[in-house]
């Protein structure tokens, strides 16, 4: 059986991301720090009744721009066909999440501190 270098590298990187995510999730759980993944935050924004939604059509694609302003938090989400393109979250003037699909795809399910 011959090992392919790029497959081995991809599997190793995937395993390291999974380990990092599990360690973060365990740490946040033990220390009672509220956390959520970008995927969970996006679902929260999309389902919240106070979310302001704008849909635009460009080159045959439908893009959805969503904003949710809560008491001390501001969330912004861009999607196309249920794919998260961009997610930004601010709490008390500090950014707590900045997700971009082109650079952070492997972090879609990684826990993020909410405070």
PDB file of N, CA and C in Angstrom:
ATOM      1  N   UNK A   1       0.838  -1.179   0.000  1.00  0.00           N
ATOM      2  CA  UNK A   1       0.000   0.000   0.000  1.00  0.00           C
ATOM      3  C   UNK A   1       0.882   1.242   0.000  1.00  0.00           C
ATOM      4  N   UNK A   2       0.671   2.082  -0.973  1.00  0.00           N
ATOM      5  CA  UNK A   2       1.480   3.266  -1.125  1.00  0.00           C
ATOM      6  C   UNK A   2       0.748   4.478  -0.540  1.00  0.00           C
ATOM      7  N   UNK A   3       1.447   5.308   0.218  1.00  0.00           N
ATOM      8  CA  UNK A   3       0.845   6.489   0.830  1.00  0.00           C
ATOM      9  C   UNK A   3       0.992   7.697  -0.087  1.00  0.00           C
ATOM     10  N   UNK A   4      -0.099   8.404  -0.264  1.00  0.00           N
ATOM     11  CA  UNK A   4      -0.084   9.630  -1.040  1.00  0.00           C
ATOM     12  C   UNK A   4       0.191  10.782  -0.072  1.00  0.00           C
ATOM     13  N   UNK A   5       1.224  11.544  -0.354  1.00  0.00           N
ATOM     14  CA  UNK A   5       1.640  12.623   0.541  1.00  0.00           C
ATOM     15  C   UNK A   5       0.573  13.663   0.802  1.00  0.00           C
ATOM     16  N   UNK A   6      -0.143  14.084  -0.247  1.00  0.00           N
ATOM     17  CA  UNK A   6      -1.151  15.122  -0.059  1.00  0.00           C
ATOM     18  C   UNK A   6      -2.354  14.605   0.735  1.00  0.00           C
ATOM     19  N   UNK A   7      -2.736  13.329   0.517  1.00  0.00           N
ATOM     20  CA  UNK A   7      -3.847  12.759   1.289  1.00  0.00           C
ATOM     21  C   UNK A   7      -3.466  12.640   2.759  1.00  0.00           C
ATOM     22  N   UNK A   8      -2.228  12.226   3.011  1.00  0.00           N
ATOM     23  CA  UNK A   8      -1.757  12.101   4.383  1.00  0.00           C
ATOM     24  C   UNK A   8      -1.745  13.469   5.063  1.00  0.00           C
ATOM     25  N   UNK A   9      -1.290  14.469   4.351  1.00  0.00           N
ATOM     26  CA  UNK A   9      -1.263  15.828   4.893  1.00  0.00           C
ATOM     27  C   UNK A   9      -2.676  16.310   5.191  1.00  0.00           C
ATOM     28  N   UNK A  10      -3.622  16.096   4.264  1.00  0.00           N
ATOM     29  CA  UNK A  10      -5.009  16.520   4.470  1.00  0.00           C
ATOM     30  C   UNK A  10      -5.634  15.819   5.672  1.00  0.00           C
ATOM     31  N   UNK A  11      -5.403  14.530   5.798  1.00  0.00           N
ATOM     32  CA  UNK A  11      -5.963  13.782   6.920  1.00  0.00           C
ATOM     33  C   UNK A  11      -5.358  14.247   8.243  1.00  0.00           C
ATOM     34  N   UNK A  12      -4.069  14.559   8.238  1.00  0.00           N
ATOM     35  CA  UNK A  12      -3.408  15.051   9.446  1.00  0.00           C
ATOM     36  C   UNK A  12      -3.965  16.413   9.843  1.00  0.00           C
ATOM     37  N   UNK A  13      -4.120  17.315   8.874  1.00  0.00           N
ATOM     38  CA  UNK A  13      -4.683  18.633   9.164  1.00  0.00           C
ATOM     39  C   UNK A  13      -6.114  18.524   9.685  1.00  0.00           C
ATOM     40  N   UNK A  14      -6.902  17.657   9.081  1.00  0.00           N
ATOM     41  CA  UNK A  14      -8.276  17.461   9.529  1.00  0.00           C
ATOM     42  C   UNK A  14      -8.298  16.947  10.971  1.00  0.00           C
ATOM     43  N   UNK A  15      -7.434  16.003  11.287  1.00  0.00           N
ATOM     44  CA  UNK A  15      -7.366  15.455  12.645  1.00  0.00           C
ATOM     45  C   UNK A  15      -6.937  16.528  13.646  1.00  0.00           C
ATOM     46  N   UNK A  16      -6.000  17.387  13.265  1.00  0.00           N
ATOM     47  CA  UNK A  16      -5.547  18.457  14.157  1.00  0.00           C
ATOM     48  C   UNK A  16      -6.651  19.478  14.406  1.00  0.00           C
ATOM     49  N   UNK A  17      -7.414  19.837  13.365  1.00  0.00           N
ATOM     50  CA  UNK A  17      -8.536  20.769  13.539  1.00  0.00           C
ATOM     51  C   UNK A  17      -9.593  20.166  14.462  1.00  0.00           C
ATOM     52  N   UNK A  18      -9.869  18.897  14.282  1.00  0.00           N
ATOM     53  CA  UNK A  18     -10.868  18.221  15.118  1.00  0.00           C
ATOM     54  C   UNK A  18     -10.398  18.181  16.572  1.00  0.00           C
ATOM     55  N   UNK A  19      -9.131  17.876  16.796  1.00  0.00           N
ATOM     56  CA  UNK A  19      -8.578  17.857  18.144  1.00  0.00           C
ATOM     57  C   UNK A  19      -8.658  19.238  18.779  1.00  0.00           C
ATOM     58  N   UNK A  20      -8.278  20.267  18.022  1.00  0.00           N
ATOM     59  CA  UNK A  20      -8.327  21.644  18.527  1.00  0.00           C
ATOM     60  C   UNK A  20      -9.759  22.031  18.896  1.00  0.00           C
ATOM     61  N   UNK A  21     -10.720  21.695  18.040  1.00  0.00           N
ATOM     62  CA  UNK A  21     -12.121  22.003  18.308  1.00  0.00           C
ATOM     63  C   UNK A  21     -12.617  21.287  19.565  1.00  0.00           C
ATOM     64  N   UNK A  22     -12.248  20.023  19.715  1.00  0.00           N
ATOM     65  CA  UNK A  22     -12.660  19.263  20.896  1.00  0.00           C
ATOM     66  C   UNK A  22     -12.057  19.840  22.169  1.00  0.00           C
ATOM     67  N   UNK A  23     -10.788  20.253  22.124  1.00  0.00           N
ATOM     68  CA  UNK A  23     -10.146  20.860  23.289  1.00  0.00           C
ATOM     69  C   UNK A  23     -10.817  22.188  23.656  1.00  0.00           C
ATOM     70  N   UNK A  24     -11.102  23.017  22.652  1.00  0.00           N
ATOM     71  CA  UNK A  24     -11.773  24.288  22.918  1.00  0.00           C
ATOM     72  C   UNK A  24     -13.151  24.059  23.528  1.00  0.00           C
ATOM     73  N   UNK A  25     -13.902  23.144  22.950  1.00  0.00           N
ATOM     74  CA  UNK A  25     -15.247  22.862  23.439  1.00  0.00           C
ATOM     75  C   UNK A  25     -15.205  22.356  24.881  1.00  0.00           C
ATOM     76  N   UNK A  26     -14.272  21.475  25.197  1.00  0.00           N
ATOM     77  CA  UNK A  26     -14.138  20.953  26.554  1.00  0.00           C
ATOM     78  C   UNK A  26     -13.736  22.061  27.526  1.00  0.00           C
ATOM     79  N   UNK A  27     -12.794  22.895  27.128  1.00  0.00           N
ATOM     80  CA  UNK A  27     -12.353  24.000  27.976  1.00  0.00           C
ATOM     81  C   UNK A  27     -13.509  24.960  28.258  1.00  0.00           C
ATOM     82  N   UNK A  28     -14.240  25.360  27.223  1.00  0.00           N
ATOM     83  CA  UNK A  28     -15.369  26.274  27.411  1.00  0.00           C
ATOM     84  C   UNK A  28     -16.441  25.645  28.287  1.00  0.00           C
ATOM     85  N   UNK A  29     -16.645  24.351  28.156  1.00  0.00           N
ATOM     86  CA  UNK A  29     -17.643  23.649  28.960  1.00  0.00           C
ATOM     87  C   UNK A  29     -17.228  23.614  30.428  1.00  0.00           C
ATOM     88  N   UNK A  30     -15.978  23.288  30.688  1.00  0.00           N
ATOM     89  CA  UNK A  30     -15.476  23.200  32.068  1.00  0.00           C
ATOM     90  C   UNK A  30     -15.509  24.561  32.746  1.00  0.00           C
ATOM     91  N   UNK A  31     -15.144  25.603  32.034  1.00  0.00           N
ATOM     92  CA  UNK A  31     -15.058  26.945  32.618  1.00  0.00           C
ATOM     93  C   UNK A  31     -16.363  27.729  32.519  1.00  0.00           C
ATOM     94  N   UNK A  32     -17.414  27.093  32.030  1.00  0.00           N
ATOM     95  CA  UNK A  32     -18.736  27.731  31.890  1.00  0.00           C
ATOM     96  C   UNK A  32     -18.704  29.008  31.046  1.00  0.00           C
ATOM     97  N   UNK A  33     -17.878  28.999  30.024  1.00  0.00           N
ATOM     98  CA  UNK A  33     -17.833  30.117  29.081  1.00  0.00           C
ATOM     99  C   UNK A  33     -18.833  29.813  27.972  1.00  0.00           C
ATOM    100  N   UNK A  34     -19.809  30.708  27.749  1.00  0.00           N
ATOM    101  CA  UNK A  34     -20.766  30.441  26.674  1.00  0.00           C
ATOM    102  C   UNK A  34     -20.063  30.448  25.316  1.00  0.00           C
ATOM    103  N   UNK A  35     -20.400  29.450  24.502  1.00  0.00           N
ATOM    104  CA  UNK A  35     -19.774  29.353  23.182  1.00  0.00           C
ATOM    105  C   UNK A  35     -20.773  28.821  22.180  1.00  0.00           C
ATOM    106  N   UNK A  36     -20.449  29.048  20.918  1.00  0.00           N
ATOM    107  CA  UNK A  36     -21.289  28.578  19.819  1.00  0.00           C
ATOM    108  C   UNK A  36     -20.421  28.529  18.572  1.00  0.00           C
ATOM    109  N   UNK A  37     -20.810  27.725  17.610  1.00  0.00           N
ATOM    110  CA  UNK A  37     -20.068  27.663  16.353  1.00  0.00           C
ATOM    111  C   UNK A  37     -20.657  28.689  15.375  1.00  0.00           C
ATOM    112  N   UNK A  38     -19.886  29.089  14.366  1.00  0.00           N
ATOM    113  CA  UNK A  38     -20.447  29.977  13.345  1.00  0.00           C
ATOM    114  C   UNK A  38     -21.710  29.404  12.702  1.00  0.00           C
ATOM    115  N   UNK A  39     -21.764  28.096  12.498  1.00  0.00           N
ATOM    116  CA  UNK A  39     -22.955  27.462  11.927  1.00  0.00           C
ATOM    117  C   UNK A  39     -24.167  27.669  12.832  1.00  0.00           C
ATOM    118  N   UNK A  40     -23.994  27.472  14.146  1.00  0.00           N
ATOM    119  CA  UNK A  40     -25.090  27.657  15.102  1.00  0.00           C
ATOM    120  C   UNK A  40     -25.512  29.117  15.180  1.00  0.00           C
ATOM    121  N   UNK A  41     -24.541  30.032  15.148  1.00  0.00           N
ATOM    122  CA  UNK A  41     -24.873  31.458  15.158  1.00  0.00           C
ATOM    123  C   UNK A  41     -25.668  31.851  13.916  1.00  0.00           C
ATOM    124  N   UNK A  42     -25.280  31.323  12.769  1.00  0.00           N
ATOM    125  CA  UNK A  42     -25.993  31.626  11.526  1.00  0.00           C
ATOM    126  C   UNK A  42     -27.440  31.144  11.603  1.00  0.00           C
ATOM    127  N   UNK A  43     -27.644  29.943  12.133  1.00  0.00           N
ATOM    128  CA  UNK A  43     -29.004  29.428  12.290  1.00  0.00           C
ATOM    129  C   UNK A  43     -29.812  30.290  13.248  1.00  0.00           C
ATOM    130  N   UNK A  44     -29.164  30.752  14.334  1.00  0.00           N
ATOM    131  CA  UNK A  44     -29.833  31.627  15.288  1.00  0.00           C
ATOM    132  C   UNK A  44     -30.278  32.927  14.617  1.00  0.00           C
ATOM    133  N   UNK A  45     -29.382  33.523  13.838  1.00  0.00           N
ATOM    134  CA  UNK A  45     -29.704  34.774  13.142  1.00  0.00           C
ATOM    135  C   UNK A  45     -30.862  34.563  12.180  1.00  0.00           C
ATOM    136  N   UNK A  46     -30.820  33.492  11.407  1.00  0.00           N
ATOM    137  CA  UNK A  46     -31.847  33.230  10.406  1.00  0.00           C
ATOM    138  C   UNK A  46     -33.211  32.963  11.034  1.00  0.00           C
ATOM    139  N   UNK A  47     -33.252  32.389  12.226  1.00  0.00           N
ATOM    140  CA  UNK A  47     -34.514  32.030  12.854  1.00  0.00           C
ATOM    141  C   UNK A  47     -35.055  33.097  13.799  1.00  0.00           C
ATOM    142  N   UNK A  48     -34.253  34.078  14.154  1.00  0.00           N
ATOM    143  CA  UNK A  48     -34.682  35.098  15.117  1.00  0.00           C
ATOM    144  C   UNK A  48     -35.722  36.012  14.478  1.00  0.00           C
ATOM    145  N   UNK A  49     -36.809  36.311  15.187  1.00  0.00           N
ATOM    146  CA  UNK A  49     -37.875  37.138  14.602  1.00  0.00           C
ATOM    147  C   UNK A  49     -37.484  38.596  14.366  1.00  0.00           C
ATOM    148  N   UNK A  50     -36.463  39.103  15.038  1.00  0.00           N
ATOM    149  CA  UNK A  50     -36.048  40.504  14.875  1.00  0.00           C
ATOM    150  C   UNK A  50     -34.987  40.705  13.798  1.00  0.00           C
ATOM    151  N   UNK A  51     -34.622  39.670  13.093  1.00  0.00           N
ATOM    152  CA  UNK A  51     -33.598  39.766  12.057  1.00  0.00           C
ATOM    153  C   UNK A  51     -34.132  40.530  10.849  1.00  0.00           C
ATOM    154  N   UNK A  52     -33.340  41.494  10.390  1.00  0.00           N
ATOM    155  CA  UNK A  52     -33.668  42.258   9.179  1.00  0.00           C
ATOM    156  C   UNK A  52     -32.990  41.565   8.003  1.00  0.00           C
ATOM    157  N   UNK A  53     -33.776  41.210   6.996  1.00  0.00           N
ATOM    158  CA  UNK A  53     -33.267  40.431   5.871  1.00  0.00           C
ATOM    159  C   UNK A  53     -33.444  41.206   4.569  1.00  0.00           C
ATOM    160  N   UNK A  54     -32.394  41.218   3.763  1.00  0.00           N
ATOM    161  CA  UNK A  54     -32.427  41.802   2.424  1.00  0.00           C
ATOM    162  C   UNK A  54     -31.937  40.734   1.458  1.00  0.00           C
ATOM    163  N   UNK A  55     -32.686  40.493   0.398  1.00  0.00           N
ATOM    164  CA  UNK A  55     -32.282  39.520  -0.637  1.00  0.00           C
ATOM    165  C   UNK A  55     -31.980  40.289  -1.915  1.00  0.00           C
ATOM    166  N   UNK A  56     -30.883  39.917  -2.557  1.00  0.00           N
ATOM    167  CA  UNK A  56     -30.490  40.535  -3.818  1.00  0.00           C
ATOM    168  C   UNK A  56     -30.097  39.449  -4.795  1.00  0.00           C
ATOM    169  N   UNK A  57     -30.369  39.696  -6.068  1.00  0.00           N
ATOM    170  CA  UNK A  57     -30.049  38.739  -7.129  1.00  0.00           C
ATOM    171  C   UNK A  57     -28.934  39.314  -7.990  1.00  0.00           C
ATOM    172  N   UNK A  58     -27.829  38.583  -8.078  1.00  0.00           N
ATOM    173  CA  UNK A  58     -26.689  38.967  -8.894  1.00  0.00           C
ATOM    174  C   UNK A  58     -26.289  37.785  -9.771  1.00  0.00           C
ATOM    175  N   UNK A  59     -26.225  37.984 -11.056  1.00  0.00           N
ATOM    176  CA  UNK A  59     -25.757  36.981 -12.007  1.00  0.00           C
ATOM    177  C   UNK A  59     -26.419  35.614 -11.804  1.00  0.00           C
ATOM    178  N   UNK A  60     -27.709  35.637 -11.565  1.00  0.00           N
ATOM    179  CA  UNK A  60     -28.464  34.403 -11.423  1.00  0.00           C
ATOM    180  C   UNK A  60     -28.386  33.746 -10.048  1.00  0.00           C
ATOM    181  N   UNK A  61     -27.704  34.371  -9.116  1.00  0.00           N
ATOM    182  CA  UNK A  61     -27.592  33.846  -7.752  1.00  0.00           C
ATOM    183  C   UNK A  61     -28.337  34.763  -6.787  1.00  0.00           C
ATOM    184  N   UNK A  62     -28.950  34.176  -5.775  1.00  0.00           N
ATOM    185  CA  UNK A  62     -29.644  34.950  -4.752  1.00  0.00           C
ATOM    186  C   UNK A  62     -28.769  35.008  -3.503  1.00  0.00           C
ATOM    187  N   UNK A  63     -28.480  36.230  -3.063  1.00  0.00           N
ATOM    188  CA  UNK A  63     -27.690  36.463  -1.861  1.00  0.00           C
ATOM    189  C   UNK A  63     -28.610  37.025  -0.797  1.00  0.00           C
ATOM    190  N   UNK A  64     -28.414  36.569   0.441  1.00  0.00           N
ATOM    191  CA  UNK A  64     -29.216  37.041   1.561  1.00  0.00           C
ATOM    192  C   UNK A  64     -28.298  37.749   2.551  1.00  0.00           C
ATOM    193  N   UNK A  65     -28.682  38.966   2.918  1.00  0.00           N
ATOM    194  CA  UNK A  65     -27.930  39.778   3.872  1.00  0.00           C
ATOM    195  C   UNK A  65     -28.812  39.961   5.097  1.00  0.00           C
ATOM    196  N   UNK A  66     -28.340  39.482   6.240  1.00  0.00           N
ATOM    197  CA  UNK A  66     -29.142  39.511   7.462  1.00  0.00           C
ATOM    198  C   UNK A  66     -28.415  40.281   8.554  1.00  0.00           C
ATOM    199  N   UNK A  67     -29.184  41.105   9.274  1.00  0.00           N
ATOM    200  CA  UNK A  67     -28.655  41.856  10.417  1.00  0.00           C
ATOM    201  C   UNK A  67     -29.548  41.601  11.612  1.00  0.00           C
ATOM    202  N   UNK A  68     -28.909  41.398  12.755  1.00  0.00           N
ATOM    203  CA  UNK A  68     -29.645  41.212  13.996  1.00  0.00           C
ATOM    204  C   UNK A  68     -28.987  42.070  15.061  1.00  0.00           C
ATOM    205  N   UNK A  69     -29.725  43.014  15.580  1.00  0.00           N
ATOM    206  CA  UNK A  69     -29.235  43.889  16.636  1.00  0.00           C
ATOM    207  C   UNK A  69     -29.966  43.547  17.924  1.00  0.00           C
ATOM    208  N   UNK A  70     -29.222  43.043  18.896  1.00  0.00           N
ATOM    209  CA  UNK A  70     -29.765  42.740  20.204  1.00  0.00           C
ATOM    210  C   UNK A  70     -29.307  43.825  21.173  1.00  0.00           C
ATOM    211  N   UNK A  71     -29.580  43.681  22.432  1.00  0.00           N
ATOM    212  CA  UNK A  71     -29.279  44.724  23.414  1.00  0.00           C
ATOM    213  C   UNK A  71     -27.813  45.151  23.374  1.00  0.00           C
ATOM    214  N   UNK A  72     -26.900  44.188  23.467  1.00  0.00           N
ATOM    215  CA  UNK A  72     -25.475  44.530  23.466  1.00  0.00           C
ATOM    216  C   UNK A  72     -24.694  43.797  22.382  1.00  0.00           C
ATOM    217  N   UNK A  73     -25.399  43.171  21.449  1.00  0.00           N
ATOM    218  CA  UNK A  73     -24.738  42.410  20.391  1.00  0.00           C
ATOM    219  C   UNK A  73     -25.281  42.794  19.027  1.00  0.00           C
ATOM    220  N   UNK A  74     -24.397  42.776  18.047  1.00  0.00           N
ATOM    221  CA  UNK A  74     -24.766  43.059  16.660  1.00  0.00           C
ATOM    222  C   UNK A  74     -24.192  41.931  15.796  1.00  0.00           C
ATOM    223  N   UNK A  75     -25.054  41.306  15.015  1.00  0.00           N
ATOM    224  CA  UNK A  75     -24.649  40.179  14.173  1.00  0.00           C
ATOM    225  C   UNK A  75     -24.973  40.477  12.719  1.00  0.00           C
ATOM    226  N   UNK A  76     -24.073  40.103  11.823  1.00  0.00           N
ATOM    227  CA  UNK A  76     -24.243  40.304  10.386  1.00  0.00           C
ATOM    228  C   UNK A  76     -23.919  38.993   9.676  1.00  0.00           C
ATOM    229  N   UNK A  77     -24.788  38.594   8.747  1.00  0.00           N
ATOM    230  CA  UNK A  77     -24.645  37.318   8.057  1.00  0.00           C
ATOM    231  C   UNK A  77     -24.917  37.493   6.572  1.00  0.00           C
ATOM    232  N   UNK A  78     -24.044  36.949   5.743  1.00  0.00           N
ATOM    233  CA  UNK A  78     -24.260  36.885   4.299  1.00  0.00           C
ATOM    234  C   UNK A  78     -24.297  35.420   3.899  1.00  0.00           C
ATOM    235  N   UNK A  79     -25.324  35.038   3.121  1.00  0.00           N
ATOM    236  CA  UNK A  79     -25.425  33.661   2.651  1.00  0.00           C
ATOM    237  C   UNK A  79     -25.788  33.634   1.175  1.00  0.00           C
ATOM    238  N   UNK A  80     -25.489  32.508   0.559  1.00  0.00           N
ATOM    239  CA  UNK A  80     -25.925  32.221  -0.808  1.00  0.00           C
ATOM    240  C   UNK A  80     -26.294  30.755  -0.845  1.00  0.00           C
ATOM    241  N   UNK A  81     -27.552  30.480  -1.129  1.00  0.00           N
ATOM    242  CA  UNK A  81     -28.046  29.100  -1.216  1.00  0.00           C
ATOM    243  C   UNK A  81     -27.682  28.302   0.037  1.00  0.00           C
ATOM    244  N   UNK A  82     -27.977  28.847   1.192  1.00  0.00           N
ATOM    245  CA  UNK A  82     -27.732  28.208   2.490  1.00  0.00           C
ATOM    246  C   UNK A  82     -26.261  28.009   2.813  1.00  0.00           C
ATOM    247  N   UNK A  83     -25.369  28.627   2.072  1.00  0.00           N
ATOM    248  CA  UNK A  83     -23.934  28.569   2.378  1.00  0.00           C
ATOM    249  C   UNK A  83     -23.543  29.881   3.036  1.00  0.00           C
ATOM    250  N   UNK A  84     -22.894  29.795   4.175  1.00  0.00           N
ATOM    251  CA  UNK A  84     -22.459  30.986   4.888  1.00  0.00           C
ATOM    252  C   UNK A  84     -21.241  31.555   4.172  1.00  0.00           C
ATOM    253  N   UNK A  85     -21.366  32.795   3.716  1.00  0.00           N
ATOM    254  CA  UNK A  85     -20.249  33.462   3.061  1.00  0.00           C
ATOM    255  C   UNK A  85     -19.471  34.320   4.052  1.00  0.00           C
ATOM    256  N   UNK A  86     -20.210  35.016   4.940  1.00  0.00           N
ATOM    257  CA  UNK A  86     -19.583  35.919   5.898  1.00  0.00           C
ATOM    258  C   UNK A  86     -20.439  35.980   7.148  1.00  0.00           C
ATOM    259  N   UNK A  87     -19.781  36.025   8.301  1.00  0.00           N
ATOM    260  CA  UNK A  87     -20.465  36.176   9.577  1.00  0.00           C
ATOM    261  C   UNK A  87     -19.598  37.039  10.474  1.00  0.00           C
ATOM    262  N   UNK A  88     -20.161  38.114  10.993  1.00  0.00           N
ATOM    263  CA  UNK A  88     -19.465  38.991  11.928  1.00  0.00           C
ATOM    264  C   UNK A  88     -20.344  39.183  13.144  1.00  0.00           C
ATOM    265  N   UNK A  89     -19.731  39.177  14.315  1.00  0.00           N
ATOM    266  CA  UNK A  89     -20.463  39.405  15.546  1.00  0.00           C
ATOM    267  C   UNK A  89     -19.689  40.316  16.473  1.00  0.00           C
ATOM    268  N   UNK A  90     -20.400  41.312  17.026  1.00  0.00           N
ATOM    269  CA  UNK A  90     -19.822  42.263  17.957  1.00  0.00           C
ATOM    270  C   UNK A  90     -20.639  42.247  19.239  1.00  0.00           C
ATOM    271  N   UNK A  91     -19.952  42.304  20.370  1.00  0.00           N
ATOM    272  CA  UNK A  91     -20.615  42.401  21.653  1.00  0.00           C
ATOM    273  C   UNK A  91     -19.903  43.466  22.464  1.00  0.00           C
ATOM    274  N   UNK A  92     -20.645  44.462  22.912  1.00  0.00           N
ATOM    275  CA  UNK A  92     -20.070  45.584  23.664  1.00  0.00           C
ATOM    276  C   UNK A  92     -18.914  46.234  22.908  1.00  0.00           C
ATOM    277  N   UNK A  93     -19.041  46.358  21.598  1.00  0.00           N
ATOM    278  CA  UNK A  93     -18.040  47.007  20.776  1.00  0.00           C
ATOM    279  C   UNK A  93     -16.837  46.160  20.412  1.00  0.00           C
ATOM    280  N   UNK A  94     -16.782  44.914  20.881  1.00  0.00           N
ATOM    281  CA  UNK A  94     -15.653  44.037  20.577  1.00  0.00           C
ATOM    282  C   UNK A  94     -16.103  42.915  19.656  1.00  0.00           C
ATOM    283  N   UNK A  95     -15.293  42.636  18.644  1.00  0.00           N
ATOM    284  CA  UNK A  95     -15.613  41.560  17.708  1.00  0.00           C
ATOM    285  C   UNK A  95     -15.333  40.214  18.375  1.00  0.00           C
ATOM    286  N   UNK A  96     -16.344  39.326  18.367  1.00  0.00           N
ATOM    287  CA  UNK A  96     -16.139  38.001  18.938  1.00  0.00           C
ATOM    288  C   UNK A  96     -16.157  36.903  17.890  1.00  0.00           C
ATOM    289  N   UNK A  97     -16.629  37.205  16.683  1.00  0.00           N
ATOM    290  CA  UNK A  97     -16.559  36.225  15.606  1.00  0.00           C
ATOM    291  C   UNK A  97     -16.388  36.951  14.280  1.00  0.00           C
ATOM    292  N   UNK A  98     -15.514  36.407  13.458  1.00  0.00           N
ATOM    293  CA  UNK A  98     -15.301  36.904  12.101  1.00  0.00           C
ATOM    294  C   UNK A  98     -15.042  35.689  11.230  1.00  0.00           C
ATOM    295  N   UNK A  99     -16.071  35.256  10.514  1.00  0.00           N
ATOM    296  CA  UNK A  99     -15.977  34.059   9.676  1.00  0.00           C
ATOM    297  C   UNK A  99     -16.080  34.465   8.218  1.00  0.00           C
ATOM    298  N   UNK A 100     -15.167  33.964   7.400  1.00  0.00           N
ATOM    299  CA  UNK A 100     -15.206  34.158   5.953  1.00  0.00           C
ATOM    300  C   UNK A 100     -15.067  32.783   5.312  1.00  0.00           C
ATOM    301  N   UNK A 101     -15.952  32.458   4.401  1.00  0.00           N
ATOM    302  CA  UNK A 101     -15.956  31.118   3.816  1.00  0.00           C
ATOM    303  C   UNK A 101     -14.677  30.825   3.042  1.00  0.00           C
ATOM    304  N   UNK A 102     -14.077  31.827   2.438  1.00  0.00           N
ATOM    305  CA  UNK A 102     -12.893  31.593   1.616  1.00  0.00           C
ATOM    306  C   UNK A 102     -11.646  31.301   2.438  1.00  0.00           C
ATOM    307  N   UNK A 103     -11.636  31.668   3.725  1.00  0.00           N
ATOM    308  CA  UNK A 103     -10.435  31.422   4.528  1.00  0.00           C
ATOM    309  C   UNK A 103     -10.690  30.544   5.751  1.00  0.00           C
ATOM    310  N   UNK A 104     -11.938  30.448   6.205  1.00  0.00           N
ATOM    311  CA  UNK A 104     -12.230  29.783   7.467  1.00  0.00           C
ATOM    312  C   UNK A 104     -13.122  28.550   7.325  1.00  0.00           C
ATOM    313  N   UNK A 105     -13.186  27.946   6.150  1.00  0.00           N
ATOM    314  CA  UNK A 105     -14.125  26.848   5.919  1.00  0.00           C
ATOM    315  C   UNK A 105     -13.960  25.728   6.951  1.00  0.00           C
ATOM    316  N   UNK A 106     -12.731  25.419   7.353  1.00  0.00           N
ATOM    317  CA  UNK A 106     -12.520  24.342   8.309  1.00  0.00           C
ATOM    318  C   UNK A 106     -12.989  24.717   9.714  1.00  0.00           C
ATOM    319  N   UNK A 107     -13.257  25.994   9.979  1.00  0.00           N
ATOM    320  CA  UNK A 107     -13.679  26.451  11.303  1.00  0.00           C
ATOM    321  C   UNK A 107     -15.188  26.660  11.419  1.00  0.00           C
ATOM    322  N   UNK A 108     -15.961  26.173  10.469  1.00  0.00           N
ATOM    323  CA  UNK A 108     -17.408  26.389  10.478  1.00  0.00           C
ATOM    324  C   UNK A 108     -18.064  25.801  11.718  1.00  0.00           C
ATOM    325  N   UNK A 109     -17.548  24.712  12.233  1.00  0.00           N
ATOM    326  CA  UNK A 109     -18.139  24.058  13.399  1.00  0.00           C
ATOM    327  C   UNK A 109     -17.271  24.226  14.655  1.00  0.00           C
ATOM    328  N   UNK A 110     -16.274  25.092  14.599  1.00  0.00           N
ATOM    329  CA  UNK A 110     -15.404  25.334  15.762  1.00  0.00           C
ATOM    330  C   UNK A 110     -16.120  26.230  16.760  1.00  0.00           C
ATOM    331  N   UNK A 111     -15.985  25.938  18.055  1.00  0.00           N
ATOM    332  CA  UNK A 111     -16.632  26.793  19.051  1.00  0.00           C
ATOM    333  C   UNK A 111     -15.958  28.162  19.141  1.00  0.00           C
ATOM    334  N   UNK A 112     -16.781  29.184  19.371  1.00  0.00           N
ATOM    335  CA  UNK A 112     -16.334  30.565  19.493  1.00  0.00           C
ATOM    336  C   UNK A 112     -16.884  31.108  20.820  1.00  0.00           C
ATOM    337  N   UNK A 113     -16.034  31.794  21.596  1.00  0.00           N
ATOM    338  CA  UNK A 113     -16.507  32.401  22.844  1.00  0.00           C
ATOM    339  C   UNK A 113     -17.512  33.485  22.513  1.00  0.00           C
ATOM    340  N   UNK A 114     -18.612  33.539  23.274  1.00  0.00           N
ATOM    341  CA  UNK A 114     -19.639  34.539  23.025  1.00  0.00           C
ATOM    342  C   UNK A 114     -19.498  35.768  23.922  1.00  0.00           C
ATOM    343  N   UNK A 115     -18.564  35.770  24.850  1.00  0.00           N
ATOM    344  CA  UNK A 115     -18.374  36.967  25.656  1.00  0.00           C
ATOM    345  C   UNK A 115     -16.974  37.449  25.626  1.00  0.00           C
TER     346      UNK A 115
END
